[in-house]
Every structure is written in structure tokens, then in C-alpha cells.
């Protein structure tokens, strides 16, 4: 099974970093909850949807929360 930890944003203490490193060493994927702004979010819900969409992408779950980045030429 995949284990994805959506961690808080900064500041991170030494304890946070050590625990995240231990989790990654055990196979977890660490994804800080850092929303993207290239899609020009208009609401807090848009920001939350982007973070959730990234998690779902890594879990290979189909969704309609946000469009995936396809590069500058798309």
C-alpha cells in the first residue's frame, strides 16, 4: 500500500524533519501541503482542491478537482 503523509507547512522543527525522514526511509511519500498558484486560485477551496488533487494523482485515483500540469507548451 502507498503511504502519503501530507505534512504541515513551515516552520518545521528538527523533530518534524527526523520523523519525516524516518517515514520516507520506511517507504512513505512526504507531501507538504503547499498549494500551487499557477492555476490562479480564487478561493480557499481552490487551494485545498489543488493539494487534494495532487494526493489523488499519486494514488492514481481519477478526479475532477484540478487539471494536471502539462507543461508550458500545452
Protein backbone atom coordinates (compact mmCIF):
# COMPACT_ATOMS: atom_id res chain seq x y z
CA UNK A 1 0.00 0.00 0.00
CA UNK A 2 1.05 3.55 -0.58
CA UNK A 3 1.52 5.80 2.41
CA UNK A 4 1.31 9.52 1.73
CA UNK A 5 1.89 11.97 4.56
CA UNK A 6 0.52 15.44 3.89
CA UNK A 7 2.53 17.44 6.35
CA UNK A 8 2.08 20.92 7.69
CA UNK A 9 3.85 23.86 6.22
CA UNK A 10 6.71 25.68 7.88
CA UNK A 11 8.12 26.09 10.39
CA UNK A 12 9.27 22.51 10.77
CA UNK A 13 11.20 21.55 13.87
CA UNK A 14 14.09 19.12 13.99
CA UNK A 15 11.65 16.53 15.39
CA UNK A 16 9.31 17.01 12.40
CA UNK A 17 12.20 16.59 9.98
CA UNK A 18 13.56 13.47 11.72
CA UNK A 19 10.11 11.87 11.75
CA UNK A 20 9.54 12.70 8.08
CA UNK A 21 12.94 11.22 7.19
CA UNK A 22 12.12 8.05 9.14
CA UNK A 23 8.75 7.79 7.38
CA UNK A 24 10.39 8.27 3.98
CA UNK A 25 13.01 5.65 4.82
CA UNK A 26 10.10 3.28 5.56
CA UNK A 27 8.60 3.98 2.12
CA UNK A 28 6.22 6.87 2.73
CA UNK A 29 5.84 9.76 0.31
CA UNK A 30 6.09 13.14 2.04
CA UNK A 31 3.91 15.86 0.50
CA UNK A 32 3.87 19.18 2.35
CA UNK A 33 0.53 20.93 1.96
CA UNK A 34 1.89 23.62 -0.36
CA UNK A 35 -0.73 24.69 -2.87
CA UNK A 36 0.26 25.82 -6.34
CA UNK A 37 -0.66 29.25 -7.65
CA UNK A 38 -0.10 28.78 -11.39
CA UNK A 39 -3.79 27.96 -11.85
CA UNK A 40 -4.79 31.32 -10.30
CA UNK A 41 -6.96 30.09 -7.39
CA UNK A 42 -9.83 32.36 -6.45
CA UNK A 43 -10.93 30.75 -3.18
CA UNK A 44 -9.53 28.75 -0.28
CA UNK A 45 -11.45 25.78 -1.68
CA UNK A 46 -9.43 26.09 -4.91
CA UNK A 47 -6.21 25.87 -2.89
CA UNK A 48 -7.43 22.86 -0.91
CA UNK A 49 -8.61 21.14 -4.09
CA UNK A 50 -5.15 21.52 -5.64
CA UNK A 51 -3.45 19.84 -2.67
CA UNK A 52 -6.03 17.04 -2.59
CA UNK A 53 -5.76 16.60 -6.37
CA UNK A 54 -2.00 16.06 -6.09
CA UNK A 55 -2.52 13.39 -3.44
CA UNK A 56 -5.16 11.67 -5.57
CA UNK A 57 -2.81 11.80 -8.58
CA UNK A 58 -0.15 9.93 -6.60
CA UNK A 59 -2.74 7.38 -5.51
CA UNK A 60 -3.83 7.04 -9.16
CA UNK A 61 -7.40 7.99 -8.28
CA UNK A 62 -9.34 9.75 -11.03
CA UNK A 63 -10.78 13.11 -10.05
CA UNK A 64 -12.06 16.39 -11.44
CA UNK A 65 -10.69 18.66 -8.71
CA UNK A 66 -7.94 20.24 -10.79
CA UNK A 67 -6.28 19.87 -14.16
CA UNK A 68 -2.82 18.33 -14.17
CA UNK A 69 0.10 20.48 -15.21
CA UNK A 70 1.03 19.57 -18.77
CA UNK A 71 3.89 21.96 -19.37
CA UNK A 72 4.32 25.39 -20.87
CA UNK A 73 3.60 24.25 -24.42
CA UNK A 74 0.22 22.69 -23.67
